[in-house]
Amino acid sequence: MTITASAVSLTVDDVAASSSFLTTHFGFREEMTADGFASLARDDAGMNVIFLRRGLASMPADQRDDHAAGVILAFVVDDLEAELARLQAEGVVITMPLTVEEWGERAFQVRDPNGVIVQLVDWNGAVDG
């Protein structure tokens, strides 16, 4: 098997709102859009983020009404503090403050208009062990 690309698909109520959130605050661009669908990319992300509208008839019946829940869309960044300050300046509500875990992960979270959790993370706080 050869994997040529990766994507995560999230089912939300308002595709345009989630798409706008990632393009405005996280530098993604829309590569493809249609009614109830948007595929977003960044050259440095290593994957596409796809938003699908809940109830979309083209989805399998057992998935149509699911909502992106229990999923964290995490992005590793170079300067976590700078990203935190930037998002705060843009008026984005920080839903989990900057946290340092004992294994060295540092992260904070925001939520998009559909409740999708976006986490920015770095490993700069890694401790020897």
Protein backbone atom coordinates (compact mmCIF):
# COMPACT_ATOMS: atom_id res chain seq x y z
CA MET A 1 0.00 0.00 0.00
CA THR A 2 1.13 3.52 -0.79
CA ILE A 3 -0.64 6.40 0.95
CA THR A 4 -0.60 9.45 -1.29
CA ALA A 5 -2.50 11.89 0.95
CA SER A 6 -4.28 12.06 4.29
CA ALA A 7 -7.45 13.77 5.44
CA VAL A 8 -9.74 13.94 8.41
CA SER A 9 -13.48 14.30 7.75
CA LEU A 10 -15.66 15.97 10.35
CA THR A 11 -19.44 16.11 10.22
CA VAL A 12 -20.88 19.44 11.35
CA ASP A 13 -24.12 21.40 11.07
CA ASP A 14 -22.66 24.50 9.38
CA VAL A 15 -19.86 23.66 6.94
CA ALA A 16 -19.29 27.29 5.96
CA ALA A 17 -18.79 28.36 9.59
CA SER A 18 -16.17 25.69 10.29
CA SER A 19 -14.45 26.34 6.97
CA SER A 20 -14.34 30.07 7.61
CA PHE A 21 -12.91 29.52 11.10
CA LEU A 22 -9.98 27.46 9.79
CA THR A 23 -9.31 29.78 6.85
CA THR A 24 -9.52 32.95 8.95
CA HIS A 25 -7.64 31.86 12.07
CA PHE A 26 -5.43 28.96 10.96
CA GLY A 27 -4.39 29.81 7.42
CA PHE A 28 -6.14 26.97 5.63
CA ARG A 29 -7.51 27.46 2.13
CA GLU A 30 -10.54 25.86 0.54
CA GLU A 31 -9.45 23.47 -2.18
CA MET A 32 -12.87 22.06 -3.06
CA THR A 33 -16.37 23.07 -2.03
CA ALA A 34 -19.88 21.99 -2.87
CA ASP A 35 -23.23 22.06 -1.13
CA GLY A 36 -22.58 20.51 2.28
CA PHE A 37 -18.88 19.90 1.67
CA ALA A 38 -15.56 21.72 2.00
CA SER A 39 -12.03 20.38 1.74
CA LEU A 40 -9.36 22.61 3.27
CA ALA A 41 -5.58 22.42 3.01
CA ARG A 42 -2.34 24.05 4.03
CA ASP A 43 0.94 23.25 2.31
CA ASP A 44 2.55 22.47 5.67
CA ALA A 45 -0.30 20.59 7.39
CA GLY A 46 0.33 17.14 5.94
CA MET A 47 -3.40 16.47 5.65
CA ASN A 48 -6.64 17.99 4.47
CA VAL A 49 -9.50 18.86 6.79
CA ILE A 50 -12.87 18.03 5.31
CA PHE A 51 -16.18 19.29 6.66
CA LEU A 52 -19.38 17.45 5.74
CA ARG A 53 -22.85 18.70 6.59
CA ARG A 54 -24.84 16.48 8.94
CA GLY A 55 -27.67 14.74 7.15
CA LEU A 56 -25.94 14.79 3.76
CA ALA A 57 -27.68 12.19 1.60
CA SER A 58 -24.43 11.02 0.01
CA MET A 59 -23.15 9.79 3.38
CA PRO A 60 -23.91 6.25 4.59
CA ALA A 61 -27.19 6.20 6.51
CA ASP A 62 -25.55 5.13 9.77
CA GLN A 63 -23.24 8.20 9.66
CA ARG A 64 -25.53 10.95 8.35
CA ASP A 65 -26.62 12.32 11.70
CA ASP A 66 -23.32 11.94 13.56
CA HIS A 67 -21.59 15.08 14.77
CA ALA A 68 -17.83 15.53 15.12
CA ALA A 69 -17.56 14.77 18.82
CA GLY A 70 -14.75 13.33 20.87
CA VAL A 71 -12.28 14.41 18.20
CA ILE A 72 -9.45 16.88 18.72
CA LEU A 73 -8.00 18.47 15.62
CA ALA A 74 -4.42 19.00 16.82
CA PHE A 75 -1.70 21.01 15.11
CA VAL A 76 1.91 21.07 16.30
CA VAL A 77 3.34 24.60 16.03
CA ASP A 78 6.77 26.21 16.43
CA ASP A 79 5.83 29.07 18.76
CA LEU A 80 2.90 28.15 20.98
CA GLU A 81 2.91 31.40 22.98
CA ALA A 82 2.88 33.50 19.80
CA GLU A 83 -0.08 31.53 18.43
CA LEU A 84 -1.94 31.91 21.71
CA ALA A 85 -1.36 35.68 21.69
CA ARG A 86 -2.37 35.93 18.01
CA LEU A 87 -5.62 34.04 18.49
CA GLN A 88 -6.51 36.05 21.59
CA ALA A 89 -5.85 39.28 19.65
CA GLU A 90 -8.17 37.99 16.91
CA GLY A 91 -10.90 37.51 19.51
CA VAL A 92 -10.88 33.71 19.48
CA VAL A 93 -12.07 32.30 22.82
CA ILE A 94 -9.51 30.01 24.44
CA THR A 95 -11.53 27.07 25.79
CA MET A 96 -8.61 25.28 27.46
CA PRO A 97 -5.79 27.47 28.77
CA LEU A 98 -2.16 26.71 28.05
CA THR A 99 -1.49 23.47 29.90
CA VAL A 100 1.77 21.61 30.49
CA GLU A 101 1.56 17.84 30.86
CA GLU A 102 4.11 15.82 32.84
CA TRP A 103 5.30 14.11 29.65
CA GLY A 104 6.25 17.48 28.14
CA GLU A 105 3.31 18.28 25.91
CA ARG A 106 2.16 21.89 26.07
CA ALA A 107 -1.19 22.76 24.54
CA PHE A 108 -4.21 25.01 24.49
CA GLN A 109 -7.57 24.60 22.80
CA VAL A 110 -10.24 26.60 21.02
CA ARG A 111 -13.56 25.53 19.51
CA ASP A 112 -14.91 26.41 16.11
CA PRO A 113 -18.53 27.61 15.67
CA ASN A 114 -19.70 23.97 15.42
CA GLY A 115 -17.90 22.92 18.59
CA VAL A 116 -14.99 21.20 16.85
CA ILE A 117 -11.98 21.30 19.19
CA VAL A 118 -8.81 22.71 17.67
CA GLN A 119 -5.69 22.19 19.78
CA LEU A 120 -2.34 23.83 19.22
CA VAL A 121 0.53 21.92 20.77
CA ASP A 122 4.30 21.80 21.08
CA TRP A 123 6.78 19.50 22.72
CA ASN A 124 9.21 22.21 23.84
CA GLY A 125 8.48 21.44 27.47
CA ALA A 126 9.64 17.83 27.16
CA VAL A 127 11.43 16.61 30.24
CA ASP A 128 14.14 14.00 30.51
CA GLY A 129 12.95 10.81 32.03
